[in-house]
Amino acid sequence: MGEGRAELATKHFSARAVRVSHRKGKRLMSLDPQLLEILVCPKCHSDLEYREAESSLICHTCSLRYAIRDDIPIMLIDEATPL
């Protein structure tokens, strides 16, 4: 039987670390590619574009930006900002 997103996240990310880099004094986060594969917009379930320099995830369908704070994607519709 196939695995759900919660099972995949638990299985693949429990031992993974998030990579962090610094450019021009600004701290940039690099999310794990497998995490990016399973994250979708909580409002419309579309794929998200990861913008590392802006520390955000973009839903082009809903025209919403989900912030990434302290290395954690904030996937709450009420916290999203319009593009």
PDB file of N, CA and C in Angstrom:
ATOM      1  N   MET A   1       0.843  -1.168   0.000  1.00  0.00           N
ATOM      2  CA  MET A   1       0.000   0.000   0.000  1.00  0.00           C
ATOM      3  C   MET A   1       0.894   1.238   0.000  1.00  0.00           C
ATOM      4  N   GLY A   2       0.468   2.319  -0.661  1.00  0.00           N
ATOM      5  CA  GLY A   2       1.250   3.546  -0.742  1.00  0.00           C
ATOM      6  C   GLY A   2       1.334   4.269   0.589  1.00  0.00           C
ATOM      7  N   GLU A   3       2.361   5.068   0.717  1.00  0.00           N
ATOM      8  CA  GLU A   3       2.561   5.841   1.946  1.00  0.00           C
ATOM      9  C   GLU A   3       1.950   7.222   1.784  1.00  0.00           C
ATOM     10  N   GLY A   4       1.343   7.730   2.844  1.00  0.00           N
ATOM     11  CA  GLY A   4       0.801   9.079   2.840  1.00  0.00           C
ATOM     12  C   GLY A   4       1.895  10.099   3.090  1.00  0.00           C
ATOM     13  N   ARG A   5       1.565  11.351   2.953  1.00  0.00           N
ATOM     14  CA  ARG A   5       2.553  12.423   3.143  1.00  0.00           C
ATOM     15  C   ARG A   5       3.120  12.443   4.552  1.00  0.00           C
ATOM     16  N   ALA A   6       2.281  12.202   5.552  1.00  0.00           N
ATOM     17  CA  ALA A   6       2.767  12.218   6.937  1.00  0.00           C
ATOM     18  C   ALA A   6       3.778  11.106   7.163  1.00  0.00           C
ATOM     19  N   GLU A   7       3.489   9.921   6.616  1.00  0.00           N
ATOM     20  CA  GLU A   7       4.422   8.812   6.772  1.00  0.00           C
ATOM     21  C   GLU A   7       5.731   9.092   6.047  1.00  0.00           C
ATOM     22  N   LEU A   8       5.636   9.650   4.832  1.00  0.00           N
ATOM     23  CA  LEU A   8       6.850   9.997   4.090  1.00  0.00           C
ATOM     24  C   LEU A   8       7.688  11.025   4.835  1.00  0.00           C
ATOM     25  N   ALA A   9       7.024  12.043   5.381  1.00  0.00           N
ATOM     26  CA  ALA A   9       7.748  13.082   6.105  1.00  0.00           C
ATOM     27  C   ALA A   9       8.450  12.499   7.319  1.00  0.00           C
ATOM     28  N   THR A  10       7.757  11.647   8.059  1.00  0.00           N
ATOM     29  CA  THR A  10       8.358  11.032   9.246  1.00  0.00           C
ATOM     30  C   THR A  10       9.523  10.139   8.847  1.00  0.00           C
ATOM     31  N   LYS A  11       9.339   9.358   7.815  1.00  0.00           N
ATOM     32  CA  LYS A  11      10.350   8.403   7.376  1.00  0.00           C
ATOM     33  C   LYS A  11      11.595   9.098   6.835  1.00  0.00           C
ATOM     34  N   HIS A  12      11.420  10.131   6.006  1.00  0.00           N
ATOM     35  CA  HIS A  12      12.533  10.733   5.301  1.00  0.00           C
ATOM     36  C   HIS A  12      13.198  11.907   6.007  1.00  0.00           C
ATOM     37  N   PHE A  13      12.528  12.550   6.952  1.00  0.00           N
ATOM     38  CA  PHE A  13      13.067  13.789   7.494  1.00  0.00           C
ATOM     39  C   PHE A  13      13.467  13.706   8.950  1.00  0.00           C
ATOM     40  N   SER A  14      13.220  12.596   9.607  1.00  0.00           N
ATOM     41  CA  SER A  14      13.536  12.517  11.026  1.00  0.00           C
ATOM     42  C   SER A  14      15.026  12.673  11.300  1.00  0.00           C
ATOM     43  N   ALA A  15      15.873  12.238  10.382  1.00  0.00           N
ATOM     44  CA  ALA A  15      17.316  12.305  10.626  1.00  0.00           C
ATOM     45  C   ALA A  15      18.003  13.312   9.716  1.00  0.00           C
ATOM     46  N   ARG A  16      17.251  14.086   8.952  1.00  0.00           N
ATOM     47  CA  ARG A  16      17.863  15.029   8.010  1.00  0.00           C
ATOM     48  C   ARG A  16      18.035  16.407   8.634  1.00  0.00           C
ATOM     49  N   ALA A  17      19.061  17.074   8.190  1.00  0.00           N
ATOM     50  CA  ALA A  17      19.312  18.437   8.646  1.00  0.00           C
ATOM     51  C   ALA A  17      19.038  19.403   7.505  1.00  0.00           C
ATOM     52  N   VAL A  18      18.698  20.605   7.835  1.00  0.00           N
ATOM     53  CA  VAL A  18      18.495  21.655   6.853  1.00  0.00           C
ATOM     54  C   VAL A  18      19.825  22.361   6.638  1.00  0.00           C
ATOM     55  N   ARG A  19      20.181  22.552   5.376  1.00  0.00           N
ATOM     56  CA  ARG A  19      21.440  23.225   5.065  1.00  0.00           C
ATOM     57  C   ARG A  19      21.241  24.740   5.150  1.00  0.00           C
ATOM     58  N   VAL A  20      22.214  25.414   5.704  1.00  0.00           N
ATOM     59  CA  VAL A  20      22.145  26.864   5.830  1.00  0.00           C
ATOM     60  C   VAL A  20      23.396  27.459   5.212  1.00  0.00           C
ATOM     61  N   SER A  21      23.232  28.514   4.431  1.00  0.00           N
ATOM     62  CA  SER A  21      24.378  29.197   3.844  1.00  0.00           C
ATOM     63  C   SER A  21      24.256  30.697   4.130  1.00  0.00           C
ATOM     64  N   HIS A  22      25.338  31.393   3.956  1.00  0.00           N
ATOM     65  CA  HIS A  22      25.370  32.841   4.187  1.00  0.00           C
ATOM     66  C   HIS A  22      25.833  33.526   2.912  1.00  0.00           C
ATOM     67  N   ARG A  23      25.100  34.531   2.474  1.00  0.00           N
ATOM     68  CA  ARG A  23      25.499  35.345   1.321  1.00  0.00           C
ATOM     69  C   ARG A  23      25.324  36.804   1.690  1.00  0.00           C
ATOM     70  N   LYS A  24      26.401  37.546   1.546  1.00  0.00           N
ATOM     71  CA  LYS A  24      26.383  38.989   1.812  1.00  0.00           C
ATOM     72  C   LYS A  24      25.773  39.303   3.170  1.00  0.00           C
ATOM     73  N   GLY A  25      26.150  38.529   4.181  1.00  0.00           N
ATOM     74  CA  GLY A  25      25.675  38.778   5.532  1.00  0.00           C
ATOM     75  C   GLY A  25      24.252  38.357   5.788  1.00  0.00           C
ATOM     76  N   LYS A  26      23.590  37.778   4.798  1.00  0.00           N
ATOM     77  CA  LYS A  26      22.209  37.349   4.950  1.00  0.00           C
ATOM     78  C   LYS A  26      22.163  35.831   5.069  1.00  0.00           C
ATOM     79  N   ARG A  27      21.444  35.354   6.049  1.00  0.00           N
ATOM     80  CA  ARG A  27      21.349  33.920   6.284  1.00  0.00           C
ATOM     81  C   ARG A  27      20.301  33.332   5.345  1.00  0.00           C
ATOM     82  N   LEU A  28      20.703  32.327   4.552  1.00  0.00           N
ATOM     83  CA  LEU A  28      19.798  31.677   3.632  1.00  0.00           C
ATOM     84  C   LEU A  28      19.632  30.215   4.016  1.00  0.00           C
ATOM     85  N   MET A  29      18.430  29.721   3.871  1.00  0.00           N
ATOM     86  CA  MET A  29      18.152  28.341   4.201  1.00  0.00           C
ATOM     87  C   MET A  29      17.953  27.558   2.911  1.00  0.00           C
ATOM     88  N   SER A  30      18.392  26.336   2.905  1.00  0.00           N
ATOM     89  CA  SER A  30      18.165  25.470   1.773  1.00  0.00           C
ATOM     90  C   SER A  30      17.348  24.279   2.252  1.00  0.00           C
ATOM     91  N   LEU A  31      16.079  24.242   1.888  1.00  0.00           N
ATOM     92  CA  LEU A  31      15.194  23.156   2.311  1.00  0.00           C
ATOM     93  C   LEU A  31      15.560  21.867   1.590  1.00  0.00           C
ATOM     94  N   ASP A  32      15.346  20.772   2.259  1.00  0.00           N
ATOM     95  CA  ASP A  32      15.611  19.465   1.696  1.00  0.00           C
ATOM     96  C   ASP A  32      14.737  19.267   0.455  1.00  0.00           C
ATOM     97  N   PRO A  33      15.307  18.822  -0.656  1.00  0.00           N
ATOM     98  CA  PRO A  33      14.512  18.624  -1.878  1.00  0.00           C
ATOM     99  C   PRO A  33      13.341  17.661  -1.688  1.00  0.00           C
ATOM    100  N   GLN A  34      13.499  16.649  -0.844  1.00  0.00           N
ATOM    101  CA  GLN A  34      12.390  15.716  -0.611  1.00  0.00           C
ATOM    102  C   GLN A  34      11.245  16.392   0.143  1.00  0.00           C
ATOM    103  N   LEU A  35      11.567  17.319   1.032  1.00  0.00           N
ATOM    104  CA  LEU A  35      10.517  18.075   1.721  1.00  0.00           C
ATOM    105  C   LEU A  35       9.773  18.948   0.719  1.00  0.00           C
ATOM    106  N   LEU A  36      10.513  19.587  -0.179  1.00  0.00           N
ATOM    107  CA  LEU A  36       9.883  20.435  -1.191  1.00  0.00           C
ATOM    108  C   LEU A  36       8.959  19.634  -2.102  1.00  0.00           C
ATOM    109  N   GLU A  37       9.275  18.361  -2.321  1.00  0.00           N
ATOM    110  CA  GLU A  37       8.429  17.521  -3.162  1.00  0.00           C
ATOM    111  C   GLU A  37       7.073  17.247  -2.533  1.00  0.00           C
ATOM    112  N   ILE A  38       7.004  17.172  -1.208  1.00  0.00           N
ATOM    113  CA  ILE A  38       5.729  16.830  -0.577  1.00  0.00           C
ATOM    114  C   ILE A  38       4.941  18.041  -0.093  1.00  0.00           C
ATOM    115  N   LEU A  39       5.586  19.203   0.013  1.00  0.00           N
ATOM    116  CA  LEU A  39       4.862  20.403   0.439  1.00  0.00           C
ATOM    117  C   LEU A  39       3.974  20.910  -0.699  1.00  0.00           C
ATOM    118  N   VAL A  40       2.735  21.226  -0.376  1.00  0.00           N
ATOM    119  CA  VAL A  40       1.803  21.819  -1.330  1.00  0.00           C
ATOM    120  C   VAL A  40       1.081  22.970  -0.639  1.00  0.00           C
ATOM    121  N   CYS A  41       0.449  23.795  -1.415  1.00  0.00           N
ATOM    122  CA  CYS A  41      -0.329  24.901  -0.872  1.00  0.00           C
ATOM    123  C   CYS A  41      -1.476  24.336  -0.028  1.00  0.00           C
ATOM    124  N   PRO A  42      -1.614  24.787   1.215  1.00  0.00           N
ATOM    125  CA  PRO A  42      -2.695  24.272   2.058  1.00  0.00           C
ATOM    126  C   PRO A  42      -4.082  24.725   1.604  1.00  0.00           C
ATOM    127  N   LYS A  43      -4.136  25.754   0.777  1.00  0.00           N
ATOM    128  CA  LYS A  43      -5.435  26.267   0.319  1.00  0.00           C
ATOM    129  C   LYS A  43      -5.942  25.524  -0.919  1.00  0.00           C
ATOM    130  N   CYS A  44      -5.087  25.361  -1.925  1.00  0.00           N
ATOM    131  CA  CYS A  44      -5.535  24.769  -3.190  1.00  0.00           C
ATOM    132  C   CYS A  44      -4.825  23.459  -3.542  1.00  0.00           C
ATOM    133  N   HIS A  45      -3.820  23.095  -2.757  1.00  0.00           N
ATOM    134  CA  HIS A  45      -3.055  21.859  -2.943  1.00  0.00           C
ATOM    135  C   HIS A  45      -2.199  21.857  -4.204  1.00  0.00           C
ATOM    136  N   SER A  46      -1.859  23.039  -4.731  1.00  0.00           N
ATOM    137  CA  SER A  46      -0.963  23.157  -5.880  1.00  0.00           C
ATOM    138  C   SER A  46       0.491  23.085  -5.425  1.00  0.00           C
ATOM    139  N   ASP A  47       1.369  22.846  -6.387  1.00  0.00           N
ATOM    140  CA  ASP A  47       2.796  22.856  -6.107  1.00  0.00           C
ATOM    141  C   ASP A  47       3.239  24.260  -5.720  1.00  0.00           C
ATOM    142  N   LEU A  48       4.344  24.325  -4.986  1.00  0.00           N
ATOM    143  CA  LEU A  48       4.894  25.592  -4.521  1.00  0.00           C
ATOM    144  C   LEU A  48       6.260  25.846  -5.146  1.00  0.00           C
ATOM    145  N   GLU A  49       6.563  27.101  -5.385  1.00  0.00           N
ATOM    146  CA  GLU A  49       7.892  27.500  -5.847  1.00  0.00           C
ATOM    147  C   GLU A  49       8.694  27.961  -4.639  1.00  0.00           C
ATOM    148  N   TYR A  50       9.875  27.379  -4.463  1.00  0.00           N
ATOM    149  CA  TYR A  50      10.745  27.753  -3.351  1.00  0.00           C
ATOM    150  C   TYR A  50      11.649  28.885  -3.798  1.00  0.00           C
ATOM    151  N   ARG A  51      11.590  30.000  -3.088  1.00  0.00           N
ATOM    152  CA  ARG A  51      12.470  31.143  -3.355  1.00  0.00           C
ATOM    153  C   ARG A  51      13.402  31.303  -2.157  1.00  0.00           C
ATOM    154  N   GLU A  52      14.582  30.738  -2.297  1.00  0.00           N
ATOM    155  CA  GLU A  52      15.549  30.700  -1.199  1.00  0.00           C
ATOM    156  C   GLU A  52      15.953  32.099  -0.754  1.00  0.00           C
ATOM    157  N   ALA A  53      16.232  32.989  -1.692  1.00  0.00           N
ATOM    158  CA  ALA A  53      16.691  34.337  -1.346  1.00  0.00           C
ATOM    159  C   ALA A  53      15.635  35.122  -0.573  1.00  0.00           C
ATOM    160  N   GLU A  54      14.361  34.828  -0.809  1.00  0.00           N
ATOM    161  CA  GLU A  54      13.260  35.524  -0.127  1.00  0.00           C
ATOM    162  C   GLU A  54      12.771  34.758   1.092  1.00  0.00           C
ATOM    163  N   SER A  55      13.316  33.576   1.334  1.00  0.00           N
ATOM    164  CA  SER A  55      12.857  32.698   2.421  1.00  0.00           C
ATOM    165  C   SER A  55      11.344  32.540   2.377  1.00  0.00           C
ATOM    166  N   SER A  56      10.858  32.082   1.218  1.00  0.00           N
ATOM    167  CA  SER A  56       9.420  31.915   1.075  1.00  0.00           C
ATOM    168  C   SER A  56       9.086  30.815   0.077  1.00  0.00           C
ATOM    169  N   LEU A  57       7.852  30.366   0.163  1.00  0.00           N
ATOM    170  CA  LEU A  57       7.272  29.416  -0.776  1.00  0.00           C
ATOM    171  C   LEU A  57       6.114  30.120  -1.457  1.00  0.00           C
ATOM    172  N   ILE A  58       6.038  30.030  -2.783  1.00  0.00           N
ATOM    173  CA  ILE A  58       5.061  30.768  -3.564  1.00  0.00           C
ATOM    174  C   ILE A  58       4.056  29.814  -4.198  1.00  0.00           C
ATOM    175  N   CYS A  59       2.759  30.131  -4.045  1.00  0.00           N
ATOM    176  CA  CYS A  59       1.707  29.427  -4.755  1.00  0.00           C
ATOM    177  C   CYS A  59       1.228  30.353  -5.868  1.00  0.00           C
ATOM    178  N   HIS A  60       1.490  29.965  -7.112  1.00  0.00           N
ATOM    179  CA  HIS A  60       1.081  30.803  -8.239  1.00  0.00           C
ATOM    180  C   HIS A  60      -0.424  30.691  -8.513  1.00  0.00           C
ATOM    181  N   THR A  61      -1.039  29.591  -8.120  1.00  0.00           N
ATOM    182  CA  THR A  61      -2.476  29.418  -8.324  1.00  0.00           C
ATOM    183  C   THR A  61      -3.272  30.370  -7.437  1.00  0.00           C
ATOM    184  N   CYS A  62      -2.902  30.450  -6.167  1.00  0.00           N
ATOM    185  CA  CYS A  62      -3.605  31.310  -5.196  1.00  0.00           C
ATOM    186  C   CYS A  62      -2.987  32.708  -5.104  1.00  0.00           C
ATOM    187  N   SER A  63      -1.824  32.900  -5.695  1.00  0.00           N
ATOM    188  CA  SER A  63      -1.068  34.154  -5.584  1.00  0.00           C
ATOM    189  C   SER A  63      -0.777  34.482  -4.121  1.00  0.00           C
ATOM    190  N   LEU A  64      -0.292  33.460  -3.391  1.00  0.00           N
ATOM    191  CA  LEU A  64       0.054  33.627  -1.984  1.00  0.00           C
ATOM    192  C   LEU A  64       1.518  33.286  -1.749  1.00  0.00           C
ATOM    193  N   ARG A  65       2.093  33.960  -0.762  1.00  0.00           N
ATOM    194  CA  ARG A  65       3.480  33.725  -0.345  1.00  0.00           C
ATOM    195  C   ARG A  65       3.456  33.209   1.089  1.00  0.00           C
ATOM    196  N   TYR A  66       4.072  32.044   1.292  1.00  0.00           N
ATOM    197  CA  TYR A  66       4.197  31.451   2.627  1.00  0.00           C
ATOM    198  C   TYR A  66       5.623  31.687   3.110  1.00  0.00           C
ATOM    199  N   ALA A  67       5.760  32.363   4.216  1.00  0.00           N
ATOM    200  CA  ALA A  67       7.072  32.713   4.759  1.00  0.00           C
ATOM    201  C   ALA A  67       7.759  31.487   5.357  1.00  0.00           C
ATOM    202  N   ILE A  68       9.079  31.566   5.399  1.00  0.00           N
ATOM    203  CA  ILE A  68       9.887  30.568   6.097  1.00  0.00           C
ATOM    204  C   ILE A  68      10.592  31.320   7.209  1.00  0.00           C
ATOM    205  N   ARG A  69      10.258  30.997   8.450  1.00  0.00           N
ATOM    206  CA  ARG A  69      10.842  31.677   9.610  1.00  0.00           C
ATOM    207  C   ARG A  69      11.577  30.678  10.482  1.00  0.00           C
ATOM    208  N   ASP A  70      12.785  31.023  10.883  1.00  0.00           N
ATOM    209  CA  ASP A  70      13.591  30.146  11.739  1.00  0.00           C
ATOM    210  C   ASP A  70      13.659  28.742  11.154  1.00  0.00           C
ATOM    211  N   ASP A  71      13.843  28.670   9.834  1.00  0.00           N
ATOM    212  CA  ASP A  71      13.993  27.412   9.103  1.00  0.00           C
ATOM    213  C   ASP A  71      12.721  26.560   9.084  1.00  0.00           C
ATOM    214  N   ILE A  72      11.558  27.169   9.338  1.00  0.00           N
ATOM    215  CA  ILE A  72      10.292  26.437   9.359  1.00  0.00           C
ATOM    216  C   ILE A  72       9.321  27.098   8.377  1.00  0.00           C
ATOM    217  N   PRO A  73       8.848  26.335   7.372  1.00  0.00           N
ATOM    218  CA  PRO A  73       7.828  26.892   6.481  1.00  0.00           C
ATOM    219  C   PRO A  73       6.519  27.110   7.255  1.00  0.00           C
ATOM    220  N   ILE A  74       5.991  28.310   7.202  1.00  0.00           N
ATOM    221  CA  ILE A  74       4.739  28.654   7.884  1.00  0.00           C
ATOM    222  C   ILE A  74       3.612  28.403   6.885  1.00  0.00           C
ATOM    223  N   MET A  75       2.996  27.235   6.988  1.00  0.00           N
ATOM    224  CA  MET A  75       2.018  26.799   6.004  1.00  0.00           C
ATOM    225  C   MET A  75       0.584  27.039   6.488  1.00  0.00           C
ATOM    226  N   LEU A  76       0.347  28.202   7.051  1.00  0.00           N
ATOM    227  CA  LEU A  76      -0.981  28.587   7.513  1.00  0.00           C
ATOM    228  C   LEU A  76      -1.569  29.598   6.537  1.00  0.00           C
ATOM    229  N   ILE A  77      -2.768  29.347   6.063  1.00  0.00           N
ATOM    230  CA  ILE A  77      -3.396  30.227   5.087  1.00  0.00           C
ATOM    231  C   ILE A  77      -3.540  31.643   5.649  1.00  0.00           C
ATOM    232  N   ASP A  78      -3.899  31.763   6.912  1.00  0.00           N
ATOM    233  CA  ASP A  78      -4.073  33.080   7.541  1.00  0.00           C
ATOM    234  C   ASP A  78      -2.759  33.853   7.656  1.00  0.00           C
ATOM    235  N   GLU A  79      -1.622  33.159   7.643  1.00  0.00           N
ATOM    236  CA  GLU A  79      -0.315  33.813   7.755  1.00  0.00           C
ATOM    237  C   GLU A  79       0.272  34.159   6.384  1.00  0.00           C
ATOM    238  N   ALA A  80      -0.302  33.628   5.313  1.00  0.00           N
ATOM    239  CA  ALA A  80       0.206  33.886   3.965  1.00  0.00           C
ATOM    240  C   ALA A  80      -0.060  35.331   3.562  1.00  0.00           C
ATOM    241  N   THR A  81       0.803  35.849   2.692  1.00  0.00           N
ATOM    242  CA  THR A  81       0.634  37.210   2.192  1.00  0.00           C
ATOM    243  C   THR A  81       0.411  37.165   0.683  1.00  0.00           C
ATOM    244  N   PRO A  82      -0.388  38.091   0.165  1.00  0.00           N
ATOM    245  CA  PRO A  82      -0.623  38.118  -1.292  1.00  0.00           C
ATOM    246  C   PRO A  82       0.634  38.520  -2.043  1.00  0.00           C
ATOM    247  N   LEU A  83       0.756  38.036  -3.269  1.00  0.00           N
ATOM    248  CA  LEU A  83       1.908  38.395  -4.121  1.00  0.00           C
ATOM    249  C   LEU A  83       1.753  39.800  -4.643  1.00  0.00           C
TER     250      LEU A  83
END
